[in-house]
Amino acid sequence: MDGSKCIMQLRGVRPFFSDKFDITKHKQYPLLSDYDKKNEFDIEKYVKNRNKLRFKQNDMVDEVCDVGEIAE
């Protein structure tokens, strides 16, 4: 099989040959980590920061309640 071809498998359709799409031609390609390593998703950083509260300088807090400890 030619390197520019692939086998597509879609539900309800028999497998067929198709041309591969060049992802570098897509308008959103610069957002991928293939384009720039700074675009890589850091799961460790995400998990570490997902439970932290984020306030802006002008945010108002009306009520504070204790929800208990978070089990790690």
N, C-alpha and C. Protein backbone atom coordinates (compact mmCIF):
# COMPACT_ATOMS: atom_id res chain seq x y z
N MET A 1 0.86 -1.17 0.00
CA MET A 1 0.00 0.00 0.00
C MET A 1 0.90 1.24 0.00
N ASP A 2 0.54 2.21 -0.79
CA ASP A 2 1.27 3.47 -0.89
C ASP A 2 1.22 4.21 0.44
N GLY A 3 2.30 4.90 0.81
CA GLY A 3 2.36 5.63 2.07
C GLY A 3 1.41 6.81 2.14
N SER A 4 0.89 7.25 1.01
CA SER A 4 -0.05 8.36 1.00
C SER A 4 -1.50 7.89 1.09
N LYS A 5 -1.70 6.59 1.24
CA LYS A 5 -3.04 6.00 1.34
C LYS A 5 -3.26 5.42 2.74
N CYS A 6 -4.52 5.25 3.10
CA CYS A 6 -4.87 4.60 4.36
C CYS A 6 -6.14 3.79 4.14
N ILE A 7 -6.45 2.92 5.08
CA ILE A 7 -7.68 2.15 5.03
C ILE A 7 -8.65 2.77 6.03
N MET A 8 -9.77 3.26 5.53
CA MET A 8 -10.78 3.88 6.39
C MET A 8 -11.77 2.81 6.82
N GLN A 9 -12.10 2.81 8.11
CA GLN A 9 -13.11 1.89 8.63
C GLN A 9 -14.16 2.72 9.35
N LEU A 10 -15.32 2.83 8.75
CA LEU A 10 -16.43 3.57 9.31
C LEU A 10 -17.57 2.61 9.59
N ARG A 11 -18.29 2.85 10.66
CA ARG A 11 -19.40 1.97 11.01
C ARG A 11 -20.47 2.00 9.91
N GLY A 12 -20.90 0.84 9.52
CA GLY A 12 -21.95 0.73 8.51
C GLY A 12 -21.45 0.74 7.08
N VAL A 13 -20.12 0.85 6.89
CA VAL A 13 -19.55 0.90 5.54
C VAL A 13 -18.39 -0.08 5.49
N ARG A 14 -18.24 -0.76 4.37
CA ARG A 14 -17.09 -1.66 4.21
C ARG A 14 -15.80 -0.84 4.19
N PRO A 15 -14.68 -1.37 4.73
CA PRO A 15 -13.40 -0.64 4.69
C PRO A 15 -13.02 -0.28 3.25
N PHE A 16 -12.40 0.90 3.09
CA PHE A 16 -12.02 1.35 1.76
C PHE A 16 -10.72 2.15 1.84
N PHE A 17 -10.03 2.24 0.70
CA PHE A 17 -8.81 3.04 0.62
C PHE A 17 -9.17 4.51 0.51
N SER A 18 -8.34 5.35 1.12
CA SER A 18 -8.54 6.79 1.05
C SER A 18 -7.18 7.48 1.06
N ASP A 19 -7.13 8.68 0.53
CA ASP A 19 -5.90 9.47 0.60
C ASP A 19 -5.74 10.01 2.02
N LYS A 20 -4.51 10.01 2.52
CA LYS A 20 -4.25 10.58 3.84
C LYS A 20 -4.34 12.10 3.75
N PHE A 21 -4.80 12.73 4.82
CA PHE A 21 -4.88 14.18 4.88
C PHE A 21 -3.58 14.71 5.48
N ASP A 22 -3.01 15.72 4.86
CA ASP A 22 -1.79 16.35 5.36
C ASP A 22 -2.18 17.35 6.46
N ILE A 23 -1.93 16.99 7.73
CA ILE A 23 -2.37 17.84 8.84
C ILE A 23 -1.69 19.20 8.84
N THR A 24 -0.54 19.33 8.20
CA THR A 24 0.15 20.63 8.18
C THR A 24 -0.61 21.65 7.34
N LYS A 25 -1.57 21.22 6.55
CA LYS A 25 -2.36 22.12 5.71
C LYS A 25 -3.63 22.61 6.44
N HIS A 26 -3.93 22.04 7.60
CA HIS A 26 -5.14 22.43 8.34
C HIS A 26 -4.92 23.78 9.02
N LYS A 27 -5.97 24.61 9.07
CA LYS A 27 -5.84 25.96 9.64
C LYS A 27 -5.53 25.94 11.14
N GLN A 28 -5.88 24.88 11.85
CA GLN A 28 -5.63 24.79 13.29
C GLN A 28 -4.32 24.07 13.62
N TYR A 29 -3.54 23.71 12.60
CA TYR A 29 -2.29 22.97 12.81
C TYR A 29 -1.34 23.67 13.79
N PRO A 30 -1.20 25.01 13.76
CA PRO A 30 -0.29 25.66 14.71
C PRO A 30 -0.65 25.45 16.19
N LEU A 31 -1.85 24.94 16.47
CA LEU A 31 -2.26 24.70 17.85
C LEU A 31 -1.81 23.33 18.36
N LEU A 32 -1.28 22.48 17.48
CA LEU A 32 -0.86 21.14 17.86
C LEU A 32 0.55 21.12 18.42
N SER A 33 0.84 20.11 19.24
CA SER A 33 2.19 19.96 19.77
C SER A 33 3.16 19.51 18.69
N ASP A 34 2.65 18.97 17.58
CA ASP A 34 3.52 18.64 16.44
C ASP A 34 4.16 19.90 15.87
N TYR A 35 3.44 21.02 15.95
CA TYR A 35 3.91 22.29 15.41
C TYR A 35 4.87 22.98 16.38
N ASP A 36 4.49 22.99 17.67
CA ASP A 36 5.30 23.66 18.68
C ASP A 36 5.14 22.92 20.01
N LYS A 37 6.24 22.56 20.64
CA LYS A 37 6.21 21.78 21.88
C LYS A 37 5.51 22.53 23.02
N LYS A 38 5.44 23.86 22.95
CA LYS A 38 4.75 24.61 24.02
C LYS A 38 3.25 24.33 24.03
N ASN A 39 2.74 23.71 22.98
CA ASN A 39 1.32 23.37 22.91
C ASN A 39 0.99 22.02 23.54
N GLU A 40 1.98 21.33 24.08
CA GLU A 40 1.73 20.03 24.71
C GLU A 40 0.86 20.20 25.95
N PHE A 41 -0.07 19.28 26.16
CA PHE A 41 -0.94 19.31 27.33
C PHE A 41 -0.22 18.63 28.49
N ASP A 42 -0.08 19.33 29.59
CA ASP A 42 0.60 18.80 30.78
C ASP A 42 -0.46 18.31 31.76
N ILE A 43 -0.72 17.01 31.76
CA ILE A 43 -1.77 16.44 32.61
C ILE A 43 -1.44 16.61 34.09
N GLU A 44 -0.16 16.50 34.46
CA GLU A 44 0.23 16.66 35.86
C GLU A 44 -0.10 18.07 36.35
N LYS A 45 0.19 19.07 35.56
CA LYS A 45 -0.10 20.47 35.92
C LYS A 45 -1.61 20.69 36.01
N TYR A 46 -2.37 20.10 35.08
CA TYR A 46 -3.81 20.24 35.07
C TYR A 46 -4.43 19.63 36.33
N VAL A 47 -4.04 18.41 36.67
CA VAL A 47 -4.60 17.72 37.84
C VAL A 47 -4.22 18.46 39.11
N LYS A 48 -3.00 18.96 39.19
CA LYS A 48 -2.53 19.65 40.39
C LYS A 48 -3.32 20.94 40.63
N ASN A 49 -3.71 21.63 39.58
CA ASN A 49 -4.34 22.94 39.71
C ASN A 49 -5.86 22.94 39.57
N ARG A 50 -6.48 21.80 39.29
CA ARG A 50 -7.91 21.83 38.99
C ARG A 50 -8.80 22.09 40.20
N ASN A 51 -8.32 21.83 41.41
CA ASN A 51 -9.15 22.04 42.60
C ASN A 51 -8.87 23.36 43.31
N LYS A 52 -8.00 24.18 42.73
CA LYS A 52 -7.69 25.47 43.36
C LYS A 52 -8.71 26.51 42.93
N LEU A 53 -9.11 27.34 43.87
CA LEU A 53 -10.02 28.44 43.55
C LEU A 53 -9.23 29.56 42.90
N ARG A 54 -9.85 30.19 41.93
CA ARG A 54 -9.21 31.31 41.25
C ARG A 54 -10.10 32.53 41.38
N PHE A 55 -9.58 33.58 41.96
CA PHE A 55 -10.32 34.82 42.11
C PHE A 55 -9.61 35.93 41.37
N LYS A 56 -10.41 36.82 40.81
CA LYS A 56 -9.86 38.03 40.21
C LYS A 56 -9.93 39.13 41.26
N GLN A 57 -9.25 40.21 41.02
CA GLN A 57 -9.15 41.27 42.02
C GLN A 57 -10.52 41.83 42.41
N ASN A 58 -11.45 41.94 41.49
CA ASN A 58 -12.75 42.55 41.78
C ASN A 58 -13.85 41.53 42.08
N ASP A 59 -13.52 40.26 42.26
CA ASP A 59 -14.52 39.25 42.58
C ASP A 59 -15.07 39.47 43.99
N MET A 60 -16.38 39.28 44.13
CA MET A 60 -17.04 39.42 45.42
C MET A 60 -17.45 38.03 45.90
N VAL A 61 -17.25 37.75 47.19
CA VAL A 61 -17.67 36.49 47.79
C VAL A 61 -18.82 36.80 48.74
N ASP A 62 -19.99 36.23 48.46
CA ASP A 62 -21.17 36.49 49.28
C ASP A 62 -21.25 35.56 50.48
N GLU A 63 -20.86 34.32 50.31
CA GLU A 63 -21.03 33.34 51.37
C GLU A 63 -19.89 32.33 51.30
N VAL A 64 -19.38 31.96 52.46
CA VAL A 64 -18.33 30.96 52.54
C VAL A 64 -18.85 29.83 53.40
N CYS A 65 -18.71 28.60 52.93
CA CYS A 65 -19.14 27.46 53.73
C CYS A 65 -18.05 26.41 53.72
N ASP A 66 -17.98 25.64 54.78
CA ASP A 66 -16.98 24.59 54.93
C ASP A 66 -17.54 23.32 54.30
N VAL A 67 -16.84 22.78 53.32
CA VAL A 67 -17.30 21.56 52.67
C VAL A 67 -16.52 20.35 53.14
N GLY A 68 -15.69 20.53 54.13
CA GLY A 68 -14.92 19.42 54.66
C GLY A 68 -13.58 19.26 53.96
N GLU A 69 -12.88 18.23 54.36
CA GLU A 69 -11.57 17.99 53.77
C GLU A 69 -11.70 17.18 52.49
N ILE A 70 -10.76 17.41 51.59
CA ILE A 70 -10.72 16.65 50.34
C ILE A 70 -9.77 15.49 50.54
N ALA A 71 -10.27 14.28 50.33
CA ALA A 71 -9.43 13.09 50.48
C ALA A 71 -8.52 12.96 49.28
N GLU A 72 -7.26 12.73 49.52
CA GLU A 72 -6.28 12.59 48.42
C GLU A 72 -6.10 11.13 48.10
